[in-house]
Amino acid sequence: MKLDEMLDEMRDVNLNYLMLAQNMIRHDKATAVFRLGISQDVASLIEALTPAQILKLAASGMLVSRFRFDDGVVLNMLTSYTRDRALAQSHAAILMAGQAVEAFA
């Protein structure tokens, strides 16, 4: 994959993420903060972004989202297909809720 293609893909991922995040925040901020793993301050900033700002941020050449599954236990719970899948997903959500929210500087 060429550099230009990778930058285009990153822009698309960023744009989709930011639009989804903004929609989630406007619909139910508390749930969005939990599901996105962001702070209230970051949620307020995303909520206030104009379409032009979203496009500019999406084209920044950096991914604006972060992979949250730093803990292998949580990732295994979400990907394992046991007979009690709902319980594993609930347990993973509880573990993730206990993790500190990281603010972006």
PDB file of N, CA and C in Angstrom:
ATOM      1  N   MET A   1       0.845  -1.167   0.000  1.00  0.00           N
ATOM      2  CA  MET A   1       0.000   0.000   0.000  1.00  0.00           C
ATOM      3  C   MET A   1       0.899   1.242   0.000  1.00  0.00           C
ATOM      4  N   LYS A   2       0.599   2.157  -0.858  1.00  0.00           N
ATOM      5  CA  LYS A   2       1.380   3.386  -0.963  1.00  0.00           C
ATOM      6  C   LYS A   2       1.008   4.354   0.152  1.00  0.00           C
ATOM      7  N   LEU A   3       1.898   5.305   0.414  1.00  0.00           N
ATOM      8  CA  LEU A   3       1.687   6.279   1.479  1.00  0.00           C
ATOM      9  C   LEU A   3       0.402   7.080   1.248  1.00  0.00           C
ATOM     10  N   ASP A   4       0.159   7.507   0.025  1.00  0.00           N
ATOM     11  CA  ASP A   4      -1.060   8.282  -0.271  1.00  0.00           C
ATOM     12  C   ASP A   4      -2.321   7.468   0.020  1.00  0.00           C
ATOM     13  N   GLU A   5      -2.282   6.188  -0.310  1.00  0.00           N
ATOM     14  CA  GLU A   5      -3.424   5.317  -0.047  1.00  0.00           C
ATOM     15  C   GLU A   5      -3.645   5.152   1.453  1.00  0.00           C
ATOM     16  N   MET A   6      -2.550   5.004   2.207  1.00  0.00           N
ATOM     17  CA  MET A   6      -2.667   4.870   3.661  1.00  0.00           C
ATOM     18  C   MET A   6      -3.235   6.152   4.280  1.00  0.00           C
ATOM     19  N   LEU A   7      -2.784   7.290   3.821  1.00  0.00           N
ATOM     20  CA  LEU A   7      -3.301   8.557   4.340  1.00  0.00           C
ATOM     21  C   LEU A   7      -4.785   8.720   4.019  1.00  0.00           C
ATOM     22  N   ASP A   8      -5.185   8.295   2.831  1.00  0.00           N
ATOM     23  CA  ASP A   8      -6.612   8.345   2.463  1.00  0.00           C
ATOM     24  C   ASP A   8      -7.434   7.424   3.368  1.00  0.00           C
ATOM     25  N   GLU A   9      -6.907   6.235   3.643  1.00  0.00           N
ATOM     26  CA  GLU A   9      -7.604   5.294   4.521  1.00  0.00           C
ATOM     27  C   GLU A   9      -7.705   5.841   5.937  1.00  0.00           C
ATOM     28  N   MET A  10      -6.623   6.444   6.428  1.00  0.00           N
ATOM     29  CA  MET A  10      -6.647   7.034   7.763  1.00  0.00           C
ATOM     30  C   MET A  10      -7.652   8.184   7.825  1.00  0.00           C
ATOM     31  N   ARG A  11      -7.708   8.995   6.789  1.00  0.00           N
ATOM     32  CA  ARG A  11      -8.683  10.087   6.743  1.00  0.00           C
ATOM     33  C   ARG A  11     -10.108   9.535   6.816  1.00  0.00           C
ATOM     34  N   ASP A  12     -10.361   8.467   6.072  1.00  0.00           N
ATOM     35  CA  ASP A  12     -11.694   7.863   6.084  1.00  0.00           C
ATOM     36  C   ASP A  12     -12.047   7.308   7.461  1.00  0.00           C
ATOM     37  N   VAL A  13     -11.092   6.627   8.092  1.00  0.00           N
ATOM     38  CA  VAL A  13     -11.328   6.090   9.436  1.00  0.00           C
ATOM     39  C   VAL A  13     -11.608   7.234  10.404  1.00  0.00           C
ATOM     40  N   ASN A  14     -10.780   8.273  10.360  1.00  0.00           N
ATOM     41  CA  ASN A  14     -10.971   9.428  11.240  1.00  0.00           C
ATOM     42  C   ASN A  14     -12.323  10.091  11.021  1.00  0.00           C
ATOM     43  N   LEU A  15     -12.670  10.289   9.776  1.00  0.00           N
ATOM     44  CA  LEU A  15     -13.941  10.946   9.464  1.00  0.00           C
ATOM     45  C   LEU A  15     -15.122  10.131   9.981  1.00  0.00           C
ATOM     46  N   ASN A  16     -15.090   8.842   9.738  1.00  0.00           N
ATOM     47  CA  ASN A  16     -16.169   7.972  10.218  1.00  0.00           C
ATOM     48  C   ASN A  16     -16.235   7.953  11.740  1.00  0.00           C
ATOM     49  N   TYR A  17     -15.065   7.861  12.378  1.00  0.00           N
ATOM     50  CA  TYR A  17     -15.020   7.841  13.839  1.00  0.00           C
ATOM     51  C   TYR A  17     -15.579   9.146  14.413  1.00  0.00           C
ATOM     52  N   LEU A  18     -15.111  10.272  13.906  1.00  0.00           N
ATOM     53  CA  LEU A  18     -15.541  11.561  14.440  1.00  0.00           C
ATOM     54  C   LEU A  18     -17.030  11.803  14.229  1.00  0.00           C
ATOM     55  N   MET A  19     -17.532  11.423  13.061  1.00  0.00           N
ATOM     56  CA  MET A  19     -18.966  11.598  12.805  1.00  0.00           C
ATOM     57  C   MET A  19     -19.799  10.695  13.712  1.00  0.00           C
ATOM     58  N   LEU A  20     -19.368   9.447  13.874  1.00  0.00           N
ATOM     59  CA  LEU A  20     -20.063   8.521  14.764  1.00  0.00           C
ATOM     60  C   LEU A  20     -19.996   9.012  16.201  1.00  0.00           C
ATOM     61  N   ALA A  21     -18.803   9.410  16.648  1.00  0.00           N
ATOM     62  CA  ALA A  21     -18.634   9.888  18.024  1.00  0.00           C
ATOM     63  C   ALA A  21     -19.510  11.109  18.282  1.00  0.00           C
ATOM     64  N   GLN A  22     -19.527  12.053  17.371  1.00  0.00           N
ATOM     65  CA  GLN A  22     -20.333  13.257  17.551  1.00  0.00           C
ATOM     66  C   GLN A  22     -21.823  12.911  17.620  1.00  0.00           C
ATOM     67  N   ASN A  23     -22.251  12.005  16.784  1.00  0.00           N
ATOM     68  CA  ASN A  23     -23.651  11.574  16.796  1.00  0.00           C
ATOM     69  C   ASN A  23     -23.994  10.876  18.110  1.00  0.00           C
ATOM     70  N   MET A  24     -23.118   9.986  18.564  1.00  0.00           N
ATOM     71  CA  MET A  24     -23.346   9.283  19.832  1.00  0.00           C
ATOM     72  C   MET A  24     -23.410  10.269  20.991  1.00  0.00           C
ATOM     73  N   ILE A  25     -22.498  11.229  21.016  1.00  0.00           N
ATOM     74  CA  ILE A  25     -22.439  12.210  22.100  1.00  0.00           C
ATOM     75  C   ILE A  25     -23.703  13.059  22.119  1.00  0.00           C
ATOM     76  N   ARG A  26     -24.150  13.470  20.963  1.00  0.00           N
ATOM     77  CA  ARG A  26     -25.365  14.300  20.899  1.00  0.00           C
ATOM     78  C   ARG A  26     -26.610  13.519  21.289  1.00  0.00           C
ATOM     79  N   HIS A  27     -26.594  12.213  21.038  1.00  0.00           N
ATOM     80  CA  HIS A  27     -27.753  11.375  21.365  1.00  0.00           C
ATOM     81  C   HIS A  27     -27.800  11.034  22.853  1.00  0.00           C
ATOM     82  N   ASP A  28     -26.677  10.591  23.422  1.00  0.00           N
ATOM     83  CA  ASP A  28     -26.609  10.185  24.831  1.00  0.00           C
ATOM     84  C   ASP A  28     -25.159  10.322  25.292  1.00  0.00           C
ATOM     85  N   LYS A  29     -24.836  11.463  25.878  1.00  0.00           N
ATOM     86  CA  LYS A  29     -23.446  11.790  26.203  1.00  0.00           C
ATOM     87  C   LYS A  29     -22.826  10.813  27.202  1.00  0.00           C
ATOM     88  N   ALA A  30     -23.558  10.445  28.232  1.00  0.00           N
ATOM     89  CA  ALA A  30     -23.003   9.548  29.252  1.00  0.00           C
ATOM     90  C   ALA A  30     -22.633   8.194  28.662  1.00  0.00           C
ATOM     91  N   THR A  31     -23.506   7.642  27.859  1.00  0.00           N
ATOM     92  CA  THR A  31     -23.233   6.352  27.224  1.00  0.00           C
ATOM     93  C   THR A  31     -22.085   6.473  26.236  1.00  0.00           C
ATOM     94  N   ALA A  32     -22.053   7.559  25.487  1.00  0.00           N
ATOM     95  CA  ALA A  32     -20.983   7.766  24.506  1.00  0.00           C
ATOM     96  C   ALA A  32     -19.624   7.864  25.184  1.00  0.00           C
ATOM     97  N   VAL A  33     -19.567   8.574  26.302  1.00  0.00           N
ATOM     98  CA  VAL A  33     -18.307   8.705  27.045  1.00  0.00           C
ATOM     99  C   VAL A  33     -17.810   7.322  27.458  1.00  0.00           C
ATOM    100  N   PHE A  34     -18.702   6.484  27.944  1.00  0.00           N
ATOM    101  CA  PHE A  34     -18.323   5.133  28.350  1.00  0.00           C
ATOM    102  C   PHE A  34     -17.889   4.292  27.151  1.00  0.00           C
ATOM    103  N   ARG A  35     -18.704   4.271  26.116  1.00  0.00           N
ATOM    104  CA  ARG A  35     -18.414   3.413  24.962  1.00  0.00           C
ATOM    105  C   ARG A  35     -17.182   3.854  24.185  1.00  0.00           C
ATOM    106  N   LEU A  36     -16.949   5.155  24.109  1.00  0.00           N
ATOM    107  CA  LEU A  36     -15.796   5.660  23.378  1.00  0.00           C
ATOM    108  C   LEU A  36     -14.528   5.684  24.235  1.00  0.00           C
ATOM    109  N   GLY A  37     -14.696   5.611  25.563  1.00  0.00           N
ATOM    110  CA  GLY A  37     -13.545   5.634  26.450  1.00  0.00           C
ATOM    111  C   GLY A  37     -12.862   6.987  26.496  1.00  0.00           C
ATOM    112  N   ILE A  38     -13.663   8.047  26.456  1.00  0.00           N
ATOM    113  CA  ILE A  38     -13.120   9.404  26.464  1.00  0.00           C
ATOM    114  C   ILE A  38     -13.624  10.147  27.694  1.00  0.00           C
ATOM    115  N   SER A  39     -12.991  11.256  28.003  1.00  0.00           N
ATOM    116  CA  SER A  39     -13.417  12.063  29.145  1.00  0.00           C
ATOM    117  C   SER A  39     -14.582  12.967  28.745  1.00  0.00           C
ATOM    118  N   GLN A  40     -15.230  13.540  29.745  1.00  0.00           N
ATOM    119  CA  GLN A  40     -16.323  14.488  29.490  1.00  0.00           C
ATOM    120  C   GLN A  40     -15.815  15.694  28.704  1.00  0.00           C
ATOM    121  N   ASP A  41     -14.606  16.152  29.028  1.00  0.00           N
ATOM    122  CA  ASP A  41     -14.031  17.304  28.328  1.00  0.00           C
ATOM    123  C   ASP A  41     -13.823  17.021  26.846  1.00  0.00           C
ATOM    124  N   VAL A  42     -13.261  15.857  26.543  1.00  0.00           N
ATOM    125  CA  VAL A  42     -13.039  15.482  25.148  1.00  0.00           C
ATOM    126  C   VAL A  42     -14.380  15.312  24.436  1.00  0.00           C
ATOM    127  N   ALA A  43     -15.363  14.735  25.129  1.00  0.00           N
ATOM    128  CA  ALA A  43     -16.697  14.578  24.538  1.00  0.00           C
ATOM    129  C   ALA A  43     -17.294  15.943  24.193  1.00  0.00           C
ATOM    130  N   SER A  44     -17.125  16.900  25.073  1.00  0.00           N
ATOM    131  CA  SER A  44     -17.647  18.251  24.801  1.00  0.00           C
ATOM    132  C   SER A  44     -16.947  18.886  23.609  1.00  0.00           C
ATOM    133  N   LEU A  45     -15.640  18.667  23.499  1.00  0.00           N
ATOM    134  CA  LEU A  45     -14.906  19.198  22.349  1.00  0.00           C
ATOM    135  C   LEU A  45     -15.384  18.565  21.038  1.00  0.00           C
ATOM    136  N   ILE A  46     -15.548  17.260  21.041  1.00  0.00           N
ATOM    137  CA  ILE A  46     -16.022  16.567  19.834  1.00  0.00           C
ATOM    138  C   ILE A  46     -17.428  17.025  19.478  1.00  0.00           C
ATOM    139  N   GLU A  47     -18.258  17.180  20.482  1.00  0.00           N
ATOM    140  CA  GLU A  47     -19.639  17.607  20.260  1.00  0.00           C
ATOM    141  C   GLU A  47     -19.696  18.990  19.598  1.00  0.00           C
ATOM    142  N   ALA A  48     -18.769  19.861  19.941  1.00  0.00           N
ATOM    143  CA  ALA A  48     -18.777  21.235  19.446  1.00  0.00           C
ATOM    144  C   ALA A  48     -18.081  21.412  18.093  1.00  0.00           C
ATOM    145  N   LEU A  49     -17.450  20.365  17.565  1.00  0.00           N
ATOM    146  CA  LEU A  49     -16.739  20.495  16.299  1.00  0.00           C
ATOM    147  C   LEU A  49     -17.700  20.833  15.157  1.00  0.00           C
ATOM    148  N   THR A  50     -17.275  21.750  14.308  1.00  0.00           N
ATOM    149  CA  THR A  50     -18.037  22.079  13.108  1.00  0.00           C
ATOM    150  C   THR A  50     -17.673  21.065  12.024  1.00  0.00           C
ATOM    151  N   PRO A  51     -18.483  20.949  10.982  1.00  0.00           N
ATOM    152  CA  PRO A  51     -18.119  20.038   9.886  1.00  0.00           C
ATOM    153  C   PRO A  51     -16.737  20.351   9.292  1.00  0.00           C
ATOM    154  N   ALA A  52     -16.399  21.622   9.170  1.00  0.00           N
ATOM    155  CA  ALA A  52     -15.081  21.986   8.634  1.00  0.00           C
ATOM    156  C   ALA A  52     -13.963  21.523   9.562  1.00  0.00           C
ATOM    157  N   GLN A  53     -14.171  21.654  10.862  1.00  0.00           N
ATOM    158  CA  GLN A  53     -13.164  21.201  11.817  1.00  0.00           C
ATOM    159  C   GLN A  53     -13.010  19.694  11.791  1.00  0.00           C
ATOM    160  N   ILE A  54     -14.117  18.983  11.635  1.00  0.00           N
ATOM    161  CA  ILE A  54     -14.064  17.520  11.544  1.00  0.00           C
ATOM    162  C   ILE A  54     -13.258  17.104  10.319  1.00  0.00           C
ATOM    163  N   LEU A  55     -13.512  17.740   9.186  1.00  0.00           N
ATOM    164  CA  LEU A  55     -12.772  17.411   7.965  1.00  0.00           C
ATOM    165  C   LEU A  55     -11.278  17.709   8.125  1.00  0.00           C
ATOM    166  N   LYS A  56     -10.959  18.826   8.748  1.00  0.00           N
ATOM    167  CA  LYS A  56      -9.557  19.189   8.955  1.00  0.00           C
ATOM    168  C   LYS A  56      -8.867  18.200   9.889  1.00  0.00           C
ATOM    169  N   LEU A  57      -9.532  17.840  10.973  1.00  0.00           N
ATOM    170  CA  LEU A  57      -8.974  16.881  11.921  1.00  0.00           C
ATOM    171  C   LEU A  57      -8.839  15.498  11.292  1.00  0.00           C
ATOM    172  N   ALA A  58      -9.811  15.110  10.489  1.00  0.00           N
ATOM    173  CA  ALA A  58      -9.765  13.805   9.835  1.00  0.00           C
ATOM    174  C   ALA A  58      -8.577  13.695   8.889  1.00  0.00           C
ATOM    175  N   ALA A  59      -8.197  14.799   8.287  1.00  0.00           N
ATOM    176  CA  ALA A  59      -7.101  14.802   7.315  1.00  0.00           C
ATOM    177  C   ALA A  59      -5.750  15.114   7.951  1.00  0.00           C
ATOM    178  N   SER A  60      -5.652  15.024   9.257  1.00  0.00           N
ATOM    179  CA  SER A  60      -4.430  15.414   9.967  1.00  0.00           C
ATOM    180  C   SER A  60      -3.246  14.471   9.749  1.00  0.00           C
ATOM    181  N   GLY A  61      -3.482  13.297   9.219  1.00  0.00           N
ATOM    182  CA  GLY A  61      -2.398  12.339   9.016  1.00  0.00           C
ATOM    183  C   GLY A  61      -2.094  11.489  10.241  1.00  0.00           C
ATOM    184  N   MET A  62      -2.930  11.608  11.274  1.00  0.00           N
ATOM    185  CA  MET A  62      -2.801  10.798  12.486  1.00  0.00           C
ATOM    186  C   MET A  62      -4.162  10.189  12.792  1.00  0.00           C
ATOM    187  N   LEU A  63      -4.157   8.987  13.343  1.00  0.00           N
ATOM    188  CA  LEU A  63      -5.420   8.411  13.773  1.00  0.00           C
ATOM    189  C   LEU A  63      -5.884   9.124  15.032  1.00  0.00           C
ATOM    190  N   VAL A  64      -7.153   9.536  15.046  1.00  0.00           N
ATOM    191  CA  VAL A  64      -7.663  10.254  16.214  1.00  0.00           C
ATOM    192  C   VAL A  64      -8.288   9.303  17.229  1.00  0.00           C
ATOM    193  N   SER A  65      -8.581   8.092  16.823  1.00  0.00           N
ATOM    194  CA  SER A  65      -9.109   7.103  17.759  1.00  0.00           C
ATOM    195  C   SER A  65      -7.951   6.253  18.275  1.00  0.00           C
ATOM    196  N   ARG A  66      -8.214   5.517  19.328  1.00  0.00           N
ATOM    197  CA  ARG A  66      -7.182   4.701  19.958  1.00  0.00           C
ATOM    198  C   ARG A  66      -7.738   3.316  20.225  1.00  0.00           C
ATOM    199  N   PHE A  67      -6.931   2.296  20.003  1.00  0.00           N
ATOM    200  CA  PHE A  67      -7.320   0.924  20.294  1.00  0.00           C
ATOM    201  C   PHE A  67      -7.333   0.753  21.796  1.00  0.00           C
ATOM    202  N   ARG A  68      -8.478   0.438  22.379  1.00  0.00           N
ATOM    203  CA  ARG A  68      -8.649   0.437  23.829  1.00  0.00           C
ATOM    204  C   ARG A  68      -8.273  -0.866  24.513  1.00  0.00           C
ATOM    205  N   PHE A  69      -8.056  -1.907  23.771  1.00  0.00           N
ATOM    206  CA  PHE A  69      -7.850  -3.206  24.387  1.00  0.00           C
ATOM    207  C   PHE A  69      -6.376  -3.474  24.641  1.00  0.00           C
ATOM    208  N   ASP A  70      -5.806  -2.724  25.589  1.00  0.00           N
ATOM    209  CA  ASP A  70      -4.421  -2.927  25.965  1.00  0.00           C
ATOM    210  C   ASP A  70      -4.272  -4.179  26.825  1.00  0.00           C
ATOM    211  N   ASP A  71      -5.347  -4.587  27.435  1.00  0.00           N
ATOM    212  CA  ASP A  71      -5.345  -5.735  28.324  1.00  0.00           C
ATOM    213  C   ASP A  71      -5.803  -6.967  27.549  1.00  0.00           C
ATOM    214  N   GLY A  72      -4.932  -7.967  27.466  1.00  0.00           N
ATOM    215  CA  GLY A  72      -5.264  -9.185  26.732  1.00  0.00           C
ATOM    216  C   GLY A  72      -6.466  -9.916  27.298  1.00  0.00           C
ATOM    217  N   VAL A  73      -6.710  -9.784  28.605  1.00  0.00           N
ATOM    218  CA  VAL A  73      -7.845 -10.461  29.232  1.00  0.00           C
ATOM    219  C   VAL A  73      -9.157  -9.926  28.649  1.00  0.00           C
ATOM    220  N   VAL A  74      -9.260  -8.605  28.524  1.00  0.00           N
ATOM    221  CA  VAL A  74     -10.480  -7.998  27.983  1.00  0.00           C
ATOM    222  C   VAL A  74     -10.671  -8.410  26.529  1.00  0.00           C
ATOM    223  N   LEU A  75      -9.609  -8.365  25.754  1.00  0.00           N
ATOM    224  CA  LEU A  75      -9.706  -8.746  24.348  1.00  0.00           C
ATOM    225  C   LEU A  75     -10.128 -10.202  24.195  1.00  0.00           C
ATOM    226  N   ASN A  76      -9.584 -11.081  25.018  1.00  0.00           N
ATOM    227  CA  ASN A  76      -9.970 -12.491  24.964  1.00  0.00           C
ATOM    228  C   ASN A  76     -11.435 -12.691  25.345  1.00  0.00           C
ATOM    229  N   MET A  77     -11.905 -11.927  26.315  1.00  0.00           N
ATOM    230  CA  MET A  77     -13.316 -12.046  26.712  1.00  0.00           C
ATOM    231  C   MET A  77     -14.248 -11.653  25.576  1.00  0.00           C
ATOM    232  N   LEU A  78     -13.865 -10.622  24.844  1.00  0.00           N
ATOM    233  CA  LEU A  78     -14.722 -10.141  23.763  1.00  0.00           C
ATOM    234  C   LEU A  78     -14.671 -11.023  22.525  1.00  0.00           C
ATOM    235  N   THR A  79     -13.572 -11.734  22.345  1.00  0.00           N
ATOM    236  CA  THR A  79     -13.439 -12.544  21.139  1.00  0.00           C
ATOM    237  C   THR A  79     -13.699 -14.026  21.355  1.00  0.00           C
ATOM    238  N   SER A  80     -13.763 -14.464  22.594  1.00  0.00           N
ATOM    239  CA  SER A  80     -13.992 -15.889  22.836  1.00  0.00           C
ATOM    240  C   SER A  80     -15.463 -16.217  22.615  1.00  0.00           C
ATOM    241  N   TYR A  81     -15.688 -17.335  22.008  1.00  0.00           N
ATOM    242  CA  TYR A  81     -17.055 -17.768  21.724  1.00  0.00           C
ATOM    243  C   TYR A  81     -17.414 -18.925  22.645  1.00  0.00           C
ATOM    244  N   THR A  82     -17.796 -18.581  23.854  1.00  0.00           N
ATOM    245  CA  THR A  82     -18.206 -19.584  24.821  1.00  0.00           C
ATOM    246  C   THR A  82     -19.723 -19.688  24.803  1.00  0.00           C
ATOM    247  N   ARG A  83     -20.243 -20.627  25.542  1.00  0.00           N
ATOM    248  CA  ARG A  83     -21.711 -20.751  25.558  1.00  0.00           C
ATOM    249  C   ARG A  83     -22.354 -19.618  26.340  1.00  0.00           C
ATOM    250  N   ASP A  84     -21.593 -18.950  27.195  1.00  0.00           N
ATOM    251  CA  ASP A  84     -22.157 -17.826  27.947  1.00  0.00           C
ATOM    252  C   ASP A  84     -21.507 -16.525  27.485  1.00  0.00           C
ATOM    253  N   ARG A  85     -21.682 -16.225  26.217  1.00  0.00           N
ATOM    254  CA  ARG A  85     -21.070 -15.052  25.584  1.00  0.00           C
ATOM    255  C   ARG A  85     -21.540 -13.750  26.230  1.00  0.00           C
ATOM    256  N   ALA A  86     -22.813 -13.662  26.575  1.00  0.00           N
ATOM    257  CA  ALA A  86     -23.349 -12.428  27.172  1.00  0.00           C
ATOM    258  C   ALA A  86     -22.651 -12.123  28.499  1.00  0.00           C
ATOM    259  N   LEU A  87     -22.389 -13.155  29.282  1.00  0.00           N
ATOM    260  CA  LEU A  87     -21.700 -12.958  30.554  1.00  0.00           C
ATOM    261  C   LEU A  87     -20.263 -12.482  30.333  1.00  0.00           C
ATOM    262  N   ALA A  88     -19.582 -13.053  29.348  1.00  0.00           N
ATOM    263  CA  ALA A  88     -18.207 -12.636  29.037  1.00  0.00           C
ATOM    264  C   ALA A  88     -18.180 -11.181  28.584  1.00  0.00           C
ATOM    265  N   GLN A  89     -19.141 -10.763  27.758  1.00  0.00           N
ATOM    266  CA  GLN A  89     -19.201  -9.377  27.295  1.00  0.00           C
ATOM    267  C   GLN A  89     -19.501  -8.430  28.449  1.00  0.00           C
ATOM    268  N   SER A  90     -20.381  -8.835  29.342  1.00  0.00           N
ATOM    269  CA  SER A  90     -20.691  -8.004  30.507  1.00  0.00           C
ATOM    270  C   SER A  90     -19.471  -7.851  31.408  1.00  0.00           C
ATOM    271  N   HIS A  91     -18.760  -8.941  31.614  1.00  0.00           N
ATOM    272  CA  HIS A  91     -17.563  -8.895  32.440  1.00  0.00           C
ATOM    273  C   HIS A  91     -16.512  -7.978  31.809  1.00  0.00           C
ATOM    274  N   ALA A  92     -16.341  -8.063  30.496  1.00  0.00           N
ATOM    275  CA  ALA A  92     -15.391  -7.194  29.799  1.00  0.00           C
ATOM    276  C   ALA A  92     -15.794  -5.730  29.944  1.00  0.00           C
ATOM    277  N   ALA A  93     -17.081  -5.439  29.841  1.00  0.00           N
ATOM    278  CA  ALA A  93     -17.562  -4.054  29.994  1.00  0.00           C
ATOM    279  C   ALA A  93     -17.275  -3.531  31.395  1.00  0.00           C
ATOM    280  N   ILE A  94     -17.437  -4.379  32.390  1.00  0.00           N
ATOM    281  CA  ILE A  94     -17.152  -3.983  33.773  1.00  0.00           C
ATOM    282  C   ILE A  94     -15.660  -3.677  33.934  1.00  0.00           C
ATOM    283  N   LEU A  95     -14.808  -4.535  33.387  1.00  0.00           N
ATOM    284  CA  LEU A  95     -13.363  -4.302  33.478  1.00  0.00           C
ATOM    285  C   LEU A  95     -12.964  -3.013  32.768  1.00  0.00           C
ATOM    286  N   MET A  96     -13.550  -2.772  31.596  1.00  0.00           N
ATOM    287  CA  MET A  96     -13.219  -1.562  30.846  1.00  0.00           C
ATOM    288  C   MET A  96     -13.729  -0.318  31.552  1.00  0.00           C
ATOM    289  N   ALA A  97     -14.860  -0.417  32.224  1.00  0.00           N
ATOM    290  CA  ALA A  97     -15.398   0.734  32.952  1.00  0.00           C
ATOM    291  C   ALA A  97     -14.491   1.135  34.112  1.00  0.00           C
ATOM    292  N   GLY A  98     -13.757   0.173  34.633  1.00  0.00           N
ATOM    293  CA  GLY A  98     -12.847   0.450  35.737  1.00  0.00           C
ATOM    294  C   GLY A  98     -11.531   1.060  35.308  1.00  0.00           C
ATOM    295  N   GLN A  99     -11.256   1.053  33.999  1.00  0.00           N
ATOM    296  CA  GLN A  99     -10.005   1.630  33.511  1.00  0.00           C
ATOM    297  C   GLN A  99     -10.122   3.149  33.496  1.00  0.00           C
ATOM    298  N   ALA A 100      -9.023   3.802  33.755  1.00  0.00           N
ATOM    299  CA  ALA A 100      -9.003   5.268  33.743  1.00  0.00           C
ATOM    300  C   ALA A 100      -9.203   5.786  32.324  1.00  0.00           C
ATOM    301  N   VAL A 101      -9.969   6.850  32.218  1.00  0.00           N
ATOM    302  CA  VAL A 101     -10.167   7.505  30.929  1.00  0.00           C
ATOM    303  C   VAL A 101      -8.947   8.366  30.669  1.00  0.00           C
ATOM    304  N   GLU A 102      -8.437   8.276  29.453  1.00  0.00           N
ATOM    305  CA  GLU A 102      -7.268   9.068  29.118  1.00  0.00           C
ATOM    306  C   GLU A 102      -7.706  10.330  28.401  1.00  0.00           C
ATOM    307  N   ALA A 103      -7.247  11.449  28.869  1.00  0.00           N
ATOM    308  CA  ALA A 103      -7.539  12.736  28.233  1.00  0.00           C
ATOM    309  C   ALA A 103      -6.478  13.001  27.175  1.00  0.00           C
ATOM    310  N   PHE A 104      -6.869  13.643  26.114  1.00  0.00           N
ATOM    311  CA  PHE A 104      -5.956  13.975  25.033  1.00  0.00           C
ATOM    312  C   PHE A 104      -5.473  15.401  25.212  1.00  0.00           C
ATOM    313  N   ALA A 105      -4.184  15.594  25.129  1.00  0.00           N
ATOM    314  CA  ALA A 105      -3.628  16.938  25.322  1.00  0.00           C
ATOM    315  C   ALA A 105      -3.447  17.621  23.993  1.00  0.00           C
TER     316      ALA A 105
END
